[in-house]
Amino acid sequence: MLDVSKLRSAYGRIEVLHDVSLNVRATEVVALIGSNGAGKTTLLRALSGVQPITSGEINFCGERIDRLPSHRRVARGMTQSPEGRQVFGPLTVADNLRLGAYMRRDKDIDNDRDHVFTMFPVLYEKRNHAAEGLSGGQQQMLAIGRALMGKPKLLLLDEPSLGLSPTLVDQILEAIASLKADGVTILLIEQNANAALEISDRGYVLESGRIVLEGSGRELLSDPKVRAAYLGLD
């Protein structure tokens, strides 16, 4: 579904991504782990079209998309739930979800909204409340729900559990596992590397803008370097 080849991206003269190559197959959950500043968010922003690339290719569902603007990538089925939630604060929960479907013209929008409400019942309870009044965890649920309203073929999740309590982290990870069971294809950045690899089919390790390791979730969980550097284990 997604094939990234030798991707480079920079902020001014400072190159952040160096020949990054990875792929995601349909219905997979693929984790991208690495330390802060490794370039993980920059990579997702580049895939979404909001961060320029200097070279390389991004192919999505058999089509080269790295020259397309971000809204055209959304129209083709790639949506992102960004780091930091970034909900539309003054708008209601219902309106935030409606905005997630702004590129759609099909008749399933209401059904998909109801599915989001089933996944996150608190959003139904707060559907007429302003998003800025939600708790951090509820805003994260809303950000994921808004991305799902685009009916994505590929969902990009950037740090969905960042800053949440352990209980809310468990709820978010359960939701991701549920999406996987539903066959949603996901590229996941998650600070909880252990949990991310446990629910992922495969994973990549990004260090200083370069892919340094790849393998199945189990392989990376048992890799001594990964255990020491990212899982806090000997």
C-alpha atoms as a PDB file:
ATOM      1  CA  MET A   1       0.000   0.000   0.000  1.00  0.00           C
ATOM      2  CA  LEU A   2       2.774   2.435   0.930  1.00  0.00           C
ATOM      3  CA  ASP A   3       6.277   2.334  -0.519  1.00  0.00           C
ATOM      4  CA  VAL A   4       8.748   5.013   0.556  1.00  0.00           C
ATOM      5  CA  SER A   5      12.092   5.078  -1.241  1.00  0.00           C
ATOM      6  CA  LYS A   6      15.214   7.062  -0.283  1.00  0.00           C
ATOM      7  CA  LEU A   7      13.247   9.935   1.218  1.00  0.00           C
ATOM      8  CA  ARG A   8      15.144  13.049   2.256  1.00  0.00           C
ATOM      9  CA  SER A   9      13.731  16.101   3.996  1.00  0.00           C
ATOM     10  CA  ALA A  10      15.249  19.180   5.615  1.00  0.00           C
ATOM     11  CA  TYR A  11      14.448  22.215   7.696  1.00  0.00           C
ATOM     12  CA  GLY A  12      16.400  24.917   5.913  1.00  0.00           C
ATOM     13  CA  ARG A  13      19.949  23.640   5.543  1.00  0.00           C
ATOM     14  CA  ILE A  14      19.560  20.981   8.218  1.00  0.00           C
ATOM     15  CA  GLU A  15      18.657  17.618   6.724  1.00  0.00           C
ATOM     16  CA  VAL A  16      16.474  15.568   9.064  1.00  0.00           C
ATOM     17  CA  LEU A  17      15.625  12.496   6.978  1.00  0.00           C
ATOM     18  CA  HIS A  18      18.426  10.675   5.170  1.00  0.00           C
ATOM     19  CA  ASP A  19      17.439   8.159   2.476  1.00  0.00           C
ATOM     20  CA  VAL A  20      14.545   6.701   4.465  1.00  0.00           C
ATOM     21  CA  SER A  21      12.956   3.648   2.846  1.00  0.00           C
ATOM     22  CA  LEU A  22      10.074   1.617   4.254  1.00  0.00           C
ATOM     23  CA  ASN A  23       6.857  -0.049   3.209  1.00  0.00           C
ATOM     24  CA  VAL A  24       3.445  -0.836   4.647  1.00  0.00           C
ATOM     25  CA  ARG A  25       1.272  -3.623   3.277  1.00  0.00           C
ATOM     26  CA  ALA A  26      -2.530  -3.590   3.317  1.00  0.00           C
ATOM     27  CA  THR A  27      -4.113  -4.450   6.707  1.00  0.00           C
ATOM     28  CA  GLU A  28      -0.750  -4.235   8.506  1.00  0.00           C
ATOM     29  CA  VAL A  29       0.033  -2.230  11.610  1.00  0.00           C
ATOM     30  CA  VAL A  30       3.607  -1.013  11.279  1.00  0.00           C
ATOM     31  CA  ALA A  31       5.345   0.712  14.193  1.00  0.00           C
ATOM     32  CA  LEU A  32       8.002   3.379  13.793  1.00  0.00           C
ATOM     33  CA  ILE A  33      10.048   3.786  16.961  1.00  0.00           C
ATOM     34  CA  GLY A  34      13.003   5.961  17.863  1.00  0.00           C
ATOM     35  CA  SER A  35      14.200   8.536  20.350  1.00  0.00           C
ATOM     36  CA  ASN A  36      12.968  12.120  20.487  1.00  0.00           C
ATOM     37  CA  GLY A  37      14.405  14.086  17.575  1.00  0.00           C
ATOM     38  CA  ALA A  38      14.989  11.005  15.421  1.00  0.00           C
ATOM     39  CA  GLY A  39      12.729  12.387  12.666  1.00  0.00           C
ATOM     40  CA  LYS A  40       9.588  10.294  13.215  1.00  0.00           C
ATOM     41  CA  THR A  41       7.092  13.168  13.118  1.00  0.00           C
ATOM     42  CA  THR A  42       8.956  14.760  10.212  1.00  0.00           C
ATOM     43  CA  LEU A  43       8.510  11.515   8.286  1.00  0.00           C
ATOM     44  CA  LEU A  44       4.748  11.419   8.886  1.00  0.00           C
ATOM     45  CA  ARG A  45       4.472  15.094   7.933  1.00  0.00           C
ATOM     46  CA  ALA A  46       6.381  14.361   4.732  1.00  0.00           C
ATOM     47  CA  LEU A  47       4.051  11.466   3.935  1.00  0.00           C
ATOM     48  CA  SER A  48       1.048  13.722   4.522  1.00  0.00           C
ATOM     49  CA  GLY A  49       2.444  16.465   2.298  1.00  0.00           C
ATOM     50  CA  VAL A  50       2.843  19.181   4.926  1.00  0.00           C
ATOM     51  CA  GLN A  51       6.636  18.824   5.112  1.00  0.00           C
ATOM     52  CA  PRO A  52       8.596  19.266   1.848  1.00  0.00           C
ATOM     53  CA  ILE A  53      10.961  16.561   0.685  1.00  0.00           C
ATOM     54  CA  THR A  54      14.210  17.230  -1.132  1.00  0.00           C
ATOM     55  CA  SER A  55      14.468  13.856  -2.880  1.00  0.00           C
ATOM     56  CA  GLY A  56      13.025  10.367  -2.908  1.00  0.00           C
ATOM     57  CA  GLU A  57       9.640   8.906  -3.779  1.00  0.00           C
ATOM     58  CA  ILE A  58       6.380   8.153  -1.992  1.00  0.00           C
ATOM     59  CA  ASN A  59       4.122   5.628  -3.720  1.00  0.00           C
ATOM     60  CA  PHE A  60       0.659   4.978  -2.327  1.00  0.00           C
ATOM     61  CA  CYS A  61      -1.667   2.314  -3.710  1.00  0.00           C
ATOM     62  CA  GLY A  62       0.453   2.104  -6.845  1.00  0.00           C
ATOM     63  CA  GLU A  63       0.529   5.858  -7.502  1.00  0.00           C
ATOM     64  CA  ARG A  64       3.383   8.267  -6.924  1.00  0.00           C
ATOM     65  CA  ILE A  65       2.031  10.976  -4.605  1.00  0.00           C
ATOM     66  CA  ASP A  66       5.042  12.980  -3.391  1.00  0.00           C
ATOM     67  CA  ARG A  67       4.206  15.763  -5.853  1.00  0.00           C
ATOM     68  CA  LEU A  68       0.566  15.954  -4.739  1.00  0.00           C
ATOM     69  CA  PRO A  69      -0.666  18.540  -2.204  1.00  0.00           C
ATOM     70  CA  SER A  70      -1.795  17.204   1.151  1.00  0.00           C
ATOM     71  CA  HIS A  71      -5.543  17.432   0.456  1.00  0.00           C
ATOM     72  CA  ARG A  72      -5.122  15.253  -2.632  1.00  0.00           C
ATOM     73  CA  ARG A  73      -3.378  12.629  -0.529  1.00  0.00           C
ATOM     74  CA  VAL A  74      -6.313  12.693   1.883  1.00  0.00           C
ATOM     75  CA  ALA A  75      -8.694  12.246  -1.054  1.00  0.00           C
ATOM     76  CA  ARG A  76      -6.723   9.153  -2.084  1.00  0.00           C
ATOM     77  CA  GLY A  77      -7.099   7.609   1.353  1.00  0.00           C
ATOM     78  CA  MET A  78      -4.195   8.731   3.557  1.00  0.00           C
ATOM     79  CA  THR A  79      -5.169  10.520   6.772  1.00  0.00           C
ATOM     80  CA  GLN A  80      -3.178  11.532   9.828  1.00  0.00           C
ATOM     81  CA  SER A  81      -3.959  11.944  13.505  1.00  0.00           C
ATOM     82  CA  PRO A  82      -1.231  14.446  14.432  1.00  0.00           C
ATOM     83  CA  GLU A  83       0.920  14.692  17.520  1.00  0.00           C
ATOM     84  CA  GLY A  84      -0.576  17.068  20.075  1.00  0.00           C
ATOM     85  CA  ARG A  85      -4.200  16.295  19.029  1.00  0.00           C
ATOM     86  CA  GLN A  86      -4.753  19.657  17.256  1.00  0.00           C
ATOM     87  CA  VAL A  87      -8.541  19.585  17.476  1.00  0.00           C
ATOM     88  CA  PHE A  88     -10.609  22.596  16.422  1.00  0.00           C
ATOM     89  CA  GLY A  89     -11.202  23.901  19.935  1.00  0.00           C
ATOM     90  CA  PRO A  90     -14.189  26.252  19.500  1.00  0.00           C
ATOM     91  CA  LEU A  91     -16.106  23.708  17.397  1.00  0.00           C
ATOM     92  CA  THR A  92     -18.211  20.930  18.840  1.00  0.00           C
ATOM     93  CA  VAL A  93     -17.147  17.303  18.862  1.00  0.00           C
ATOM     94  CA  ALA A  94     -19.734  16.576  16.168  1.00  0.00           C
ATOM     95  CA  ASP A  95     -18.410  19.387  13.959  1.00  0.00           C
ATOM     96  CA  ASN A  96     -14.800  18.194  14.394  1.00  0.00           C
ATOM     97  CA  LEU A  97     -15.854  14.758  13.181  1.00  0.00           C
ATOM     98  CA  ARG A  98     -17.784  16.275  10.296  1.00  0.00           C
ATOM     99  CA  LEU A  99     -14.666  18.155   9.207  1.00  0.00           C
ATOM    100  CA  GLY A 100     -12.800  14.856   9.083  1.00  0.00           C
ATOM    101  CA  ALA A 101     -15.132  13.809   6.260  1.00  0.00           C
ATOM    102  CA  TYR A 102     -14.901  17.058   4.288  1.00  0.00           C
ATOM    103  CA  MET A 103     -13.421  15.345   1.200  1.00  0.00           C
ATOM    104  CA  ARG A 104     -16.130  12.688   1.088  1.00  0.00           C
ATOM    105  CA  ARG A 105     -19.310  12.677  -0.982  1.00  0.00           C
ATOM    106  CA  ASP A 106     -20.560   9.164  -0.219  1.00  0.00           C
ATOM    107  CA  LYS A 107     -23.594   8.158   1.843  1.00  0.00           C
ATOM    108  CA  ASP A 108     -21.745   6.320   4.627  1.00  0.00           C
ATOM    109  CA  ILE A 109     -20.603   9.372   6.593  1.00  0.00           C
ATOM    110  CA  ASP A 110     -23.278   9.077   9.289  1.00  0.00           C
ATOM    111  CA  ASN A 111     -22.601   5.360   9.691  1.00  0.00           C
ATOM    112  CA  ASP A 112     -18.874   6.020  10.102  1.00  0.00           C
ATOM    113  CA  ARG A 113     -19.582   8.744  12.664  1.00  0.00           C
ATOM    114  CA  ASP A 114     -21.728   6.282  14.610  1.00  0.00           C
ATOM    115  CA  HIS A 115     -18.869   3.771  14.460  1.00  0.00           C
ATOM    116  CA  VAL A 116     -16.550   6.389  16.000  1.00  0.00           C
ATOM    117  CA  PHE A 117     -19.123   6.968  18.733  1.00  0.00           C
ATOM    118  CA  THR A 118     -19.257   3.216  19.365  1.00  0.00           C
ATOM    119  CA  MET A 119     -15.473   3.054  19.625  1.00  0.00           C
ATOM    120  CA  PHE A 120     -15.310   6.118  21.885  1.00  0.00           C
ATOM    121  CA  PRO A 121     -18.644   6.382  23.765  1.00  0.00           C
ATOM    122  CA  VAL A 122     -17.527   9.517  25.611  1.00  0.00           C
ATOM    123  CA  LEU A 123     -17.472  11.373  22.290  1.00  0.00           C
ATOM    124  CA  TYR A 124     -21.158  10.617  21.850  1.00  0.00           C
ATOM    125  CA  GLU A 125     -21.838  11.926  25.343  1.00  0.00           C
ATOM    126  CA  LYS A 126     -19.860  15.105  24.535  1.00  0.00           C
ATOM    127  CA  ARG A 127     -20.965  15.432  20.908  1.00  0.00           C
ATOM    128  CA  ASN A 128     -22.467  18.913  21.409  1.00  0.00           C
ATOM    129  CA  HIS A 129     -19.620  20.185  23.614  1.00  0.00           C
ATOM    130  CA  ALA A 130     -16.777  22.383  22.379  1.00  0.00           C
ATOM    131  CA  ALA A 131     -13.643  20.332  21.763  1.00  0.00           C
ATOM    132  CA  GLU A 132     -11.516  22.728  23.808  1.00  0.00           C
ATOM    133  CA  GLY A 133     -13.460  21.697  26.917  1.00  0.00           C
ATOM    134  CA  LEU A 134     -12.559  18.009  26.599  1.00  0.00           C
ATOM    135  CA  SER A 135      -9.858  16.337  28.657  1.00  0.00           C
ATOM    136  CA  GLY A 136      -6.557  15.489  26.993  1.00  0.00           C
ATOM    137  CA  GLY A 137      -7.568  11.876  26.554  1.00  0.00           C
ATOM    138  CA  GLN A 138     -10.937  12.815  25.085  1.00  0.00           C
ATOM    139  CA  GLN A 139      -9.249  15.206  22.655  1.00  0.00           C
ATOM    140  CA  GLN A 140      -6.948  12.382  21.564  1.00  0.00           C
ATOM    141  CA  MET A 141      -9.947  10.151  20.942  1.00  0.00           C
ATOM    142  CA  LEU A 142     -11.499  12.968  18.929  1.00  0.00           C
ATOM    143  CA  ALA A 143      -8.334  13.432  16.855  1.00  0.00           C
ATOM    144  CA  ILE A 144      -8.286   9.722  16.008  1.00  0.00           C
ATOM    145  CA  GLY A 145     -12.021   9.741  15.309  1.00  0.00           C
ATOM    146  CA  ARG A 146     -11.664  12.767  13.034  1.00  0.00           C
ATOM    147  CA  ALA A 147      -8.939  10.962  11.042  1.00  0.00           C
ATOM    148  CA  LEU A 148     -11.156   7.882  10.755  1.00  0.00           C
ATOM    149  CA  MET A 149     -13.960  10.027   9.340  1.00  0.00           C
ATOM    150  CA  GLY A 150     -11.818  10.422   6.227  1.00  0.00           C
ATOM    151  CA  LYS A 151     -12.391   6.682   5.671  1.00  0.00           C
ATOM    152  CA  PRO A 152      -8.657   6.088   5.299  1.00  0.00           C
ATOM    153  CA  LYS A 153      -6.974   3.293   3.457  1.00  0.00           C
ATOM    154  CA  LEU A 154      -3.906   4.194   5.541  1.00  0.00           C
ATOM    155  CA  LEU A 155      -4.088   5.827   8.963  1.00  0.00           C
ATOM    156  CA  LEU A 156      -1.011   7.674  10.227  1.00  0.00           C
ATOM    157  CA  LEU A 157      -0.987   7.861  14.036  1.00  0.00           C
ATOM    158  CA  ASP A 158       1.545  10.190  15.650  1.00  0.00           C
ATOM    159  CA  GLU A 159       2.083   9.597  19.390  1.00  0.00           C
ATOM    160  CA  PRO A 160      -1.560   8.799  20.218  1.00  0.00           C
ATOM    161  CA  SER A 161      -0.847   8.116  23.919  1.00  0.00           C
ATOM    162  CA  LEU A 162       1.514  11.035  24.570  1.00  0.00           C
ATOM    163  CA  GLY A 163       0.822  12.748  27.889  1.00  0.00           C
ATOM    164  CA  LEU A 164      -2.095  10.531  28.879  1.00  0.00           C
ATOM    165  CA  SER A 165      -2.698   8.670  32.119  1.00  0.00           C
ATOM    166  CA  PRO A 166      -2.001   4.911  32.155  1.00  0.00           C
ATOM    167  CA  THR A 167      -5.727   4.152  32.074  1.00  0.00           C
ATOM    168  CA  LEU A 168      -6.297   6.351  29.017  1.00  0.00           C
ATOM    169  CA  VAL A 169      -3.185   4.927  27.354  1.00  0.00           C
ATOM    170  CA  ASP A 170      -4.727   1.476  27.688  1.00  0.00           C
ATOM    171  CA  GLN A 171      -7.982   2.730  26.131  1.00  0.00           C
ATOM    172  CA  ILE A 172      -6.148   4.267  23.158  1.00  0.00           C
ATOM    173  CA  LEU A 173      -4.063   1.133  22.585  1.00  0.00           C
ATOM    174  CA  GLU A 174      -7.202  -1.014  22.802  1.00  0.00           C
ATOM    175  CA  ALA A 175      -8.792   1.223  20.158  1.00  0.00           C
ATOM    176  CA  ILE A 176      -5.767   0.745  17.875  1.00  0.00           C
ATOM    177  CA  ALA A 177      -5.965  -3.021  18.361  1.00  0.00           C
ATOM    178  CA  SER A 178      -9.667  -2.827  17.484  1.00  0.00           C
ATOM    179  CA  LEU A 179      -8.871  -0.903  14.293  1.00  0.00           C
ATOM    180  CA  LYS A 180      -6.310  -3.560  13.404  1.00  0.00           C
ATOM    181  CA  ALA A 181      -8.954  -6.261  13.905  1.00  0.00           C
ATOM    182  CA  ASP A 182     -11.229  -4.300  11.559  1.00  0.00           C
ATOM    183  CA  GLY A 183      -8.531  -4.432   8.873  1.00  0.00           C
ATOM    184  CA  VAL A 184      -7.448  -0.765   9.022  1.00  0.00           C
ATOM    185  CA  THR A 185      -3.888  -0.268   7.789  1.00  0.00           C
ATOM    186  CA  ILE A 186      -1.856   1.808  10.264  1.00  0.00           C
ATOM    187  CA  LEU A 187       1.578   3.392  10.439  1.00  0.00           C
ATOM    188  CA  LEU A 188       2.095   4.078  14.132  1.00  0.00           C
ATOM    189  CA  ILE A 189       4.489   6.308  16.039  1.00  0.00           C
ATOM    190  CA  GLU A 190       4.154   5.600  19.743  1.00  0.00           C
ATOM    191  CA  GLN A 191       6.302   6.593  22.732  1.00  0.00           C
ATOM    192  CA  ASN A 192       5.380   3.316  24.436  1.00  0.00           C
ATOM    193  CA  ALA A 193       7.607   1.254  22.176  1.00  0.00           C
ATOM    194  CA  ASN A 194       6.868  -2.003  23.958  1.00  0.00           C
ATOM    195  CA  ALA A 195       3.093  -1.636  23.522  1.00  0.00           C
ATOM    196  CA  ALA A 196       3.492  -0.433  19.935  1.00  0.00           C
ATOM    197  CA  LEU A 197       5.578  -3.444  18.913  1.00  0.00           C
ATOM    198  CA  GLU A 198       3.241  -5.862  20.703  1.00  0.00           C
ATOM    199  CA  ILE A 199       0.271  -4.782  18.551  1.00  0.00           C
ATOM    200  CA  SER A 200       2.264  -4.316  15.335  1.00  0.00           C
ATOM    201  CA  ASP A 201       2.949  -6.781  12.556  1.00  0.00           C
ATOM    202  CA  ARG A 202       6.279  -5.155  11.744  1.00  0.00           C
ATOM    203  CA  GLY A 203       8.395  -2.264  12.890  1.00  0.00           C
ATOM    204  CA  TYR A 204      11.219   0.080  11.947  1.00  0.00           C
ATOM    205  CA  VAL A 205      13.746   1.826  14.185  1.00  0.00           C
ATOM    206  CA  LEU A 206      14.643   5.375  13.149  1.00  0.00           C
ATOM    207  CA  GLU A 207      17.842   6.909  14.510  1.00  0.00           C
ATOM    208  CA  SER A 208      19.080  10.370  13.525  1.00  0.00           C
ATOM    209  CA  GLY A 209      16.901  10.326  10.425  1.00  0.00           C
ATOM    210  CA  ARG A 210      17.960   6.886   9.214  1.00  0.00           C
ATOM    211  CA  ILE A 211      16.303   3.475   9.359  1.00  0.00           C
ATOM    212  CA  VAL A 212      18.749   1.311  11.326  1.00  0.00           C
ATOM    213  CA  LEU A 213      16.653  -1.769  12.100  1.00  0.00           C
ATOM    214  CA  GLU A 214      13.530  -3.446  10.801  1.00  0.00           C
ATOM    215  CA  GLY A 215      11.698  -6.659  11.490  1.00  0.00           C
ATOM    216  CA  SER A 216       8.542  -8.184  12.858  1.00  0.00           C
ATOM    217  CA  GLY A 217       7.155  -6.826  16.105  1.00  0.00           C
ATOM    218  CA  ARG A 218       8.389  -9.938  17.928  1.00  0.00           C
ATOM    219  CA  GLU A 219      11.850  -9.738  16.398  1.00  0.00           C
ATOM    220  CA  LEU A 220      12.303  -6.135  17.483  1.00  0.00           C
ATOM    221  CA  LEU A 221      10.902  -6.842  20.950  1.00  0.00           C
ATOM    222  CA  SER A 222      13.582  -9.485  21.437  1.00  0.00           C
ATOM    223  CA  ASP A 223      16.435  -7.546  19.807  1.00  0.00           C
ATOM    224  CA  PRO A 224      19.052  -6.666  22.484  1.00  0.00           C
ATOM    225  CA  LYS A 225      19.687  -3.195  21.036  1.00  0.00           C
ATOM    226  CA  VAL A 226      15.985  -2.338  20.941  1.00  0.00           C
ATOM    227  CA  ARG A 227      15.417  -3.718  24.432  1.00  0.00           C
ATOM    228  CA  ALA A 228      18.252  -1.641  25.864  1.00  0.00           C
ATOM    229  CA  ALA A 229      17.640   1.598  23.963  1.00  0.00           C
ATOM    230  CA  TYR A 230      13.852   1.807  23.739  1.00  0.00           C
ATOM    231  CA  LEU A 231      12.253  -0.705  26.086  1.00  0.00           C
ATOM    232  CA  GLY A 232      14.336  -0.035  29.181  1.00  0.00           C
ATOM    233  CA  LEU A 233      15.280  -3.702  29.426  1.00  0.00           C
ATOM    234  CA  ASP A 234      18.637  -5.461  29.654  1.00  0.00           C
END
